[in-house]
Amino acid sequence: PEPRMPDASTTVADLRAAIRNFVAEREWQKFHDAKNLSMSLAIETAELMEHFQWVRNDELAATIADEKRRSAIRDEIADIACYLLALANALDLDLADAVTDKLRKNAAKYPADKFRGWYEKPPR
């Protein structure tokens, strides 16, 4: 079996390399362009959303606690992550830099002292 790669000890570079190797072993590079990967990412995201479609807020905790559903949700999240990492590989983007830059932009756009507890412009 493949060695486990827990969050606490696995870098983004490790995950990108694992995806790169998986794709290379199957010679799928020709399919992994930005269009196909972005579409696949959207499709997998929709599949994740299906697990929560029609679930009322008061049912959410039970939905997440159900081991069979939790396992399926986990797989969909993994699919999303795999396609995101494959897209970063295909575009040669540094994902950690991109996330850090976006967090910096969002911090300027949504200063904590003005948006604490609010997801949109707070009332005055």
N, C-alpha and C. Protein backbone atom coordinates (compact mmCIF):
# COMPACT_ATOMS: atom_id res chain seq x y z
N PRO A 1 0.82 -1.21 0.00
CA PRO A 1 0.00 0.00 0.00
C PRO A 1 0.86 1.26 0.00
N GLU A 2 0.30 2.31 -0.55
CA GLU A 2 0.99 3.60 -0.58
C GLU A 2 1.16 4.14 0.83
N PRO A 3 2.28 4.83 1.09
CA PRO A 3 2.45 5.43 2.42
C PRO A 3 1.43 6.55 2.63
N ARG A 4 1.00 6.74 3.85
CA ARG A 4 0.06 7.81 4.18
C ARG A 4 0.77 9.14 4.12
N MET A 5 0.03 10.18 3.81
CA MET A 5 0.58 11.53 3.69
C MET A 5 -0.29 12.50 4.50
N PRO A 6 -0.18 12.49 5.84
CA PRO A 6 -1.04 13.37 6.64
C PRO A 6 -0.71 14.85 6.45
N ASP A 7 -1.71 15.69 6.67
CA ASP A 7 -1.56 17.14 6.50
C ASP A 7 -0.36 17.70 7.26
N ALA A 8 -0.17 17.23 8.48
CA ALA A 8 0.86 17.81 9.34
C ALA A 8 2.28 17.62 8.81
N SER A 9 2.47 16.62 7.94
CA SER A 9 3.83 16.36 7.47
C SER A 9 3.96 16.34 5.94
N THR A 10 2.90 16.73 5.23
CA THR A 10 2.92 16.69 3.77
C THR A 10 2.86 18.10 3.22
N THR A 11 3.77 18.42 2.33
CA THR A 11 3.78 19.75 1.73
C THR A 11 2.91 19.77 0.47
N VAL A 12 2.59 20.97 0.03
CA VAL A 12 1.88 21.12 -1.25
C VAL A 12 2.74 20.54 -2.36
N ALA A 13 4.03 20.74 -2.28
CA ALA A 13 4.95 20.19 -3.29
C ALA A 13 4.88 18.67 -3.32
N ASP A 14 4.76 18.05 -2.15
CA ASP A 14 4.61 16.59 -2.09
C ASP A 14 3.35 16.14 -2.81
N LEU A 15 2.25 16.83 -2.54
CA LEU A 15 0.98 16.47 -3.18
C LEU A 15 1.03 16.69 -4.69
N ARG A 16 1.63 17.81 -5.10
CA ARG A 16 1.76 18.08 -6.53
C ARG A 16 2.59 17.01 -7.21
N ALA A 17 3.65 16.58 -6.56
CA ALA A 17 4.49 15.52 -7.12
C ALA A 17 3.72 14.21 -7.22
N ALA A 18 2.93 13.90 -6.21
CA ALA A 18 2.13 12.67 -6.24
C ALA A 18 1.15 12.70 -7.41
N ILE A 19 0.51 13.84 -7.62
CA ILE A 19 -0.42 13.99 -8.75
C ILE A 19 0.34 13.90 -10.07
N ARG A 20 1.47 14.59 -10.14
CA ARG A 20 2.28 14.57 -11.37
C ARG A 20 2.69 13.14 -11.72
N ASN A 21 3.11 12.38 -10.73
CA ASN A 21 3.52 10.98 -10.96
C ASN A 21 2.34 10.12 -11.38
N PHE A 22 1.21 10.29 -10.73
CA PHE A 22 0.01 9.53 -11.07
C PHE A 22 -0.39 9.77 -12.52
N VAL A 23 -0.38 11.03 -12.93
CA VAL A 23 -0.73 11.40 -14.31
C VAL A 23 0.29 10.83 -15.29
N ALA A 24 1.56 10.97 -14.97
CA ALA A 24 2.63 10.51 -15.86
C ALA A 24 2.59 8.99 -16.05
N GLU A 25 2.32 8.26 -14.98
CA GLU A 25 2.26 6.79 -15.08
C GLU A 25 1.17 6.33 -16.05
N ARG A 26 0.15 7.15 -16.22
CA ARG A 26 -0.96 6.80 -17.10
C ARG A 26 -0.90 7.52 -18.44
N GLU A 27 0.13 8.36 -18.61
CA GLU A 27 0.32 9.16 -19.82
C GLU A 27 -0.92 10.00 -20.13
N TRP A 28 -1.43 10.67 -19.10
CA TRP A 28 -2.62 11.50 -19.22
C TRP A 28 -2.29 12.98 -19.44
N GLN A 29 -1.01 13.34 -19.54
CA GLN A 29 -0.65 14.75 -19.66
C GLN A 29 -1.39 15.42 -20.82
N LYS A 30 -1.59 14.68 -21.92
CA LYS A 30 -2.23 15.28 -23.10
C LYS A 30 -3.68 15.68 -22.82
N PHE A 31 -4.29 15.10 -21.79
CA PHE A 31 -5.65 15.46 -21.42
C PHE A 31 -5.71 16.56 -20.37
N HIS A 32 -4.58 16.80 -19.73
CA HIS A 32 -4.55 17.71 -18.59
C HIS A 32 -4.19 19.13 -19.01
N ASP A 33 -5.08 19.76 -19.76
CA ASP A 33 -4.90 21.17 -20.08
C ASP A 33 -5.84 21.98 -19.18
N ALA A 34 -5.67 23.29 -19.20
CA ALA A 34 -6.43 24.16 -18.29
C ALA A 34 -7.94 24.02 -18.49
N LYS A 35 -8.39 23.90 -19.72
CA LYS A 35 -9.82 23.77 -19.98
C LYS A 35 -10.37 22.49 -19.36
N ASN A 36 -9.76 21.36 -19.69
CA ASN A 36 -10.26 20.08 -19.19
C ASN A 36 -10.18 19.99 -17.67
N LEU A 37 -9.09 20.46 -17.10
CA LEU A 37 -8.94 20.38 -15.65
C LEU A 37 -9.90 21.32 -14.92
N SER A 38 -10.11 22.52 -15.45
CA SER A 38 -11.04 23.44 -14.79
C SER A 38 -12.47 22.90 -14.88
N MET A 39 -12.81 22.28 -16.01
CA MET A 39 -14.13 21.67 -16.13
C MET A 39 -14.28 20.49 -15.17
N SER A 40 -13.25 19.67 -15.07
CA SER A 40 -13.28 18.54 -14.15
C SER A 40 -13.40 19.01 -12.71
N LEU A 41 -12.72 20.09 -12.38
CA LEU A 41 -12.80 20.66 -11.04
C LEU A 41 -14.23 21.10 -10.73
N ALA A 42 -14.87 21.76 -11.69
CA ALA A 42 -16.26 22.21 -11.50
C ALA A 42 -17.20 21.01 -11.37
N ILE A 43 -16.99 19.98 -12.15
CA ILE A 43 -17.83 18.78 -12.10
C ILE A 43 -17.71 18.10 -10.73
N GLU A 44 -16.48 17.95 -10.26
CA GLU A 44 -16.28 17.32 -8.95
C GLU A 44 -16.87 18.16 -7.83
N THR A 45 -16.80 19.48 -7.96
CA THR A 45 -17.40 20.36 -6.97
C THR A 45 -18.91 20.18 -6.94
N ALA A 46 -19.51 20.05 -8.12
CA ALA A 46 -20.95 19.79 -8.19
C ALA A 46 -21.30 18.45 -7.55
N GLU A 47 -20.44 17.45 -7.74
CA GLU A 47 -20.68 16.14 -7.11
C GLU A 47 -20.61 16.25 -5.59
N LEU A 48 -19.74 17.09 -5.07
CA LEU A 48 -19.69 17.33 -3.63
C LEU A 48 -20.99 17.99 -3.18
N MET A 49 -21.45 18.97 -3.94
CA MET A 49 -22.67 19.68 -3.58
C MET A 49 -23.87 18.75 -3.54
N GLU A 50 -23.88 17.73 -4.37
CA GLU A 50 -24.99 16.78 -4.37
C GLU A 50 -25.20 16.11 -3.02
N HIS A 51 -24.14 15.93 -2.27
CA HIS A 51 -24.25 15.29 -0.96
C HIS A 51 -25.00 16.17 0.04
N PHE A 52 -25.06 17.46 -0.23
CA PHE A 52 -25.72 18.40 0.67
C PHE A 52 -27.02 18.96 0.10
N GLN A 53 -27.29 18.65 -1.15
CA GLN A 53 -28.51 19.13 -1.79
C GLN A 53 -29.71 18.58 -1.03
N TRP A 54 -30.65 19.44 -0.73
CA TRP A 54 -31.90 19.11 -0.05
C TRP A 54 -31.71 18.75 1.42
N VAL A 55 -30.52 18.88 1.94
CA VAL A 55 -30.29 18.64 3.38
C VAL A 55 -30.58 19.95 4.11
N ARG A 56 -31.52 19.88 5.05
CA ARG A 56 -31.84 21.08 5.83
C ARG A 56 -30.71 21.34 6.83
N ASN A 57 -30.59 22.58 7.25
CA ASN A 57 -29.53 22.92 8.21
C ASN A 57 -29.60 22.10 9.47
N ASP A 58 -30.83 21.79 9.93
CA ASP A 58 -30.95 21.00 11.16
C ASP A 58 -30.59 19.53 10.95
N GLU A 59 -30.41 19.10 9.70
CA GLU A 59 -30.01 17.73 9.39
C GLU A 59 -28.51 17.61 9.06
N LEU A 60 -27.85 18.74 8.97
CA LEU A 60 -26.46 18.76 8.51
C LEU A 60 -25.52 17.96 9.40
N ALA A 61 -25.62 18.12 10.69
CA ALA A 61 -24.72 17.41 11.61
C ALA A 61 -24.87 15.89 11.45
N ALA A 62 -26.09 15.40 11.32
CA ALA A 62 -26.32 13.96 11.15
C ALA A 62 -25.80 13.49 9.80
N THR A 63 -25.94 14.32 8.79
CA THR A 63 -25.44 13.97 7.45
C THR A 63 -23.93 13.79 7.48
N ILE A 64 -23.26 14.71 8.11
CA ILE A 64 -21.80 14.67 8.19
C ILE A 64 -21.32 13.54 9.09
N ALA A 65 -22.10 13.19 10.11
CA ALA A 65 -21.72 12.13 11.04
C ALA A 65 -21.93 10.73 10.46
N ASP A 66 -22.80 10.59 9.48
CA ASP A 66 -23.06 9.28 8.87
C ASP A 66 -21.80 8.82 8.15
N GLU A 67 -21.23 7.70 8.58
CA GLU A 67 -19.93 7.24 8.06
C GLU A 67 -19.93 6.99 6.55
N LYS A 68 -20.99 6.42 6.03
CA LYS A 68 -21.05 6.15 4.59
C LYS A 68 -21.06 7.46 3.80
N ARG A 69 -21.88 8.41 4.23
CA ARG A 69 -21.91 9.71 3.53
C ARG A 69 -20.61 10.47 3.74
N ARG A 70 -20.07 10.41 4.95
CA ARG A 70 -18.81 11.10 5.24
C ARG A 70 -17.69 10.57 4.34
N SER A 71 -17.65 9.27 4.14
CA SER A 71 -16.65 8.66 3.27
C SER A 71 -16.81 9.14 1.83
N ALA A 72 -18.06 9.20 1.35
CA ALA A 72 -18.30 9.68 -0.01
C ALA A 72 -17.94 11.15 -0.15
N ILE A 73 -18.25 11.96 0.87
CA ILE A 73 -17.89 13.38 0.87
C ILE A 73 -16.38 13.53 0.86
N ARG A 74 -15.70 12.73 1.66
CA ARG A 74 -14.23 12.73 1.71
C ARG A 74 -13.64 12.45 0.33
N ASP A 75 -14.20 11.45 -0.37
CA ASP A 75 -13.71 11.13 -1.71
C ASP A 75 -13.91 12.29 -2.68
N GLU A 76 -15.05 12.96 -2.60
CA GLU A 76 -15.30 14.10 -3.50
C GLU A 76 -14.33 15.25 -3.20
N ILE A 77 -14.08 15.50 -1.92
CA ILE A 77 -13.11 16.54 -1.56
C ILE A 77 -11.73 16.18 -2.09
N ALA A 78 -11.37 14.91 -1.99
CA ALA A 78 -10.08 14.47 -2.53
C ALA A 78 -10.03 14.65 -4.04
N ASP A 79 -11.12 14.32 -4.75
CA ASP A 79 -11.16 14.54 -6.20
C ASP A 79 -10.95 16.01 -6.54
N ILE A 80 -11.61 16.89 -5.79
CA ILE A 80 -11.46 18.33 -6.01
C ILE A 80 -10.01 18.75 -5.81
N ALA A 81 -9.41 18.29 -4.72
CA ALA A 81 -8.02 18.63 -4.44
C ALA A 81 -7.09 18.11 -5.53
N CYS A 82 -7.34 16.88 -5.98
CA CYS A 82 -6.48 16.31 -7.04
C CYS A 82 -6.55 17.14 -8.32
N TYR A 83 -7.76 17.51 -8.72
CA TYR A 83 -7.88 18.31 -9.94
C TYR A 83 -7.29 19.71 -9.74
N LEU A 84 -7.43 20.28 -8.56
CA LEU A 84 -6.84 21.59 -8.30
C LEU A 84 -5.31 21.52 -8.39
N LEU A 85 -4.74 20.49 -7.78
CA LEU A 85 -3.28 20.32 -7.85
C LEU A 85 -2.82 20.04 -9.28
N ALA A 86 -3.59 19.25 -10.01
CA ALA A 86 -3.25 18.97 -11.41
C ALA A 86 -3.31 20.25 -12.25
N LEU A 87 -4.29 21.11 -11.96
CA LEU A 87 -4.40 22.38 -12.68
C LEU A 87 -3.21 23.29 -12.35
N ALA A 88 -2.83 23.33 -11.07
CA ALA A 88 -1.64 24.11 -10.69
C ALA A 88 -0.41 23.57 -11.41
N ASN A 89 -0.30 22.26 -11.53
CA ASN A 89 0.81 21.66 -12.28
C ASN A 89 0.76 22.06 -13.74
N ALA A 90 -0.40 21.94 -14.36
CA ALA A 90 -0.54 22.22 -15.79
C ALA A 90 -0.23 23.68 -16.11
N LEU A 91 -0.58 24.58 -15.19
CA LEU A 91 -0.35 26.01 -15.40
C LEU A 91 0.97 26.48 -14.81
N ASP A 92 1.69 25.59 -14.16
CA ASP A 92 2.94 25.91 -13.48
C ASP A 92 2.76 27.10 -12.53
N LEU A 93 1.72 26.99 -11.69
CA LEU A 93 1.43 28.01 -10.69
C LEU A 93 1.88 27.53 -9.33
N ASP A 94 2.45 28.40 -8.56
CA ASP A 94 2.80 28.08 -7.18
C ASP A 94 1.55 28.28 -6.34
N LEU A 95 0.93 27.19 -5.93
CA LEU A 95 -0.35 27.24 -5.23
C LEU A 95 -0.23 27.95 -3.89
N ALA A 96 0.81 27.67 -3.14
CA ALA A 96 0.98 28.32 -1.84
C ALA A 96 1.13 29.83 -2.01
N ASP A 97 1.88 30.28 -2.99
CA ASP A 97 2.01 31.71 -3.27
C ASP A 97 0.67 32.31 -3.68
N ALA A 98 -0.08 31.59 -4.52
CA ALA A 98 -1.38 32.09 -4.97
C ALA A 98 -2.34 32.26 -3.80
N VAL A 99 -2.38 31.27 -2.91
CA VAL A 99 -3.27 31.34 -1.76
C VAL A 99 -2.84 32.46 -0.83
N THR A 100 -1.55 32.57 -0.57
CA THR A 100 -1.04 33.62 0.30
C THR A 100 -1.34 35.00 -0.27
N ASP A 101 -1.13 35.18 -1.57
CA ASP A 101 -1.43 36.46 -2.22
C ASP A 101 -2.92 36.79 -2.13
N LYS A 102 -3.78 35.78 -2.35
CA LYS A 102 -5.22 36.00 -2.29
C LYS A 102 -5.66 36.34 -0.87
N LEU A 103 -5.08 35.69 0.13
CA LEU A 103 -5.40 36.03 1.52
C LEU A 103 -5.01 37.47 1.84
N ARG A 104 -3.86 37.90 1.33
CA ARG A 104 -3.42 39.29 1.55
C ARG A 104 -4.42 40.26 0.92
N LYS A 105 -4.85 39.98 -0.32
CA LYS A 105 -5.83 40.84 -1.01
C LYS A 105 -7.15 40.85 -0.25
N ASN A 106 -7.59 39.67 0.21
CA ASN A 106 -8.85 39.60 0.95
C ASN A 106 -8.77 40.31 2.28
N ALA A 107 -7.60 40.26 2.94
CA ALA A 107 -7.44 40.96 4.21
C ALA A 107 -7.57 42.47 4.01
N ALA A 108 -7.07 42.99 2.88
CA ALA A 108 -7.20 44.42 2.59
C ALA A 108 -8.65 44.75 2.22
N LYS A 109 -9.31 43.87 1.50
CA LYS A 109 -10.69 44.10 1.06
C LYS A 109 -11.69 43.94 2.20
N TYR A 110 -11.41 43.00 3.12
CA TYR A 110 -12.30 42.69 4.23
C TYR A 110 -11.55 42.79 5.55
N PRO A 111 -11.21 44.01 5.99
CA PRO A 111 -10.47 44.14 7.25
C PRO A 111 -11.25 43.53 8.42
N ALA A 112 -10.55 42.78 9.25
CA ALA A 112 -11.19 42.05 10.34
C ALA A 112 -11.98 42.96 11.26
N ASP A 113 -11.46 44.15 11.54
CA ASP A 113 -12.16 45.05 12.48
C ASP A 113 -13.49 45.54 11.93
N LYS A 114 -13.69 45.51 10.61
CA LYS A 114 -14.95 45.96 10.01
C LYS A 114 -15.86 44.81 9.61
N PHE A 115 -15.30 43.62 9.42
CA PHE A 115 -16.09 42.50 8.91
C PHE A 115 -16.23 41.34 9.89
N ARG A 116 -15.75 41.51 11.09
CA ARG A 116 -15.86 40.43 12.08
C ARG A 116 -17.33 40.09 12.28
N GLY A 117 -17.68 38.84 12.00
CA GLY A 117 -19.06 38.40 12.16
C GLY A 117 -19.97 38.71 10.99
N TRP A 118 -19.44 39.33 9.94
CA TRP A 118 -20.24 39.69 8.75
C TRP A 118 -19.59 39.15 7.50
N TYR A 119 -20.37 38.65 6.54
CA TYR A 119 -19.83 38.16 5.28
C TYR A 119 -20.02 39.18 4.16
N GLU A 120 -20.74 40.24 4.44
CA GLU A 120 -20.93 41.30 3.46
C GLU A 120 -20.71 42.61 4.19
N LYS A 121 -20.83 43.72 3.49
CA LYS A 121 -20.60 45.01 4.11
C LYS A 121 -21.50 45.14 5.34
N PRO A 122 -20.90 45.36 6.51
CA PRO A 122 -21.70 45.41 7.74
C PRO A 122 -22.57 46.68 7.79
N PRO A 123 -23.67 46.58 8.51
CA PRO A 123 -24.50 47.80 8.66
C PRO A 123 -23.73 48.84 9.46
N ARG A 124 -24.06 50.06 9.27
CA ARG A 124 -23.37 51.15 9.98
C ARG A 124 -24.04 51.46 11.28
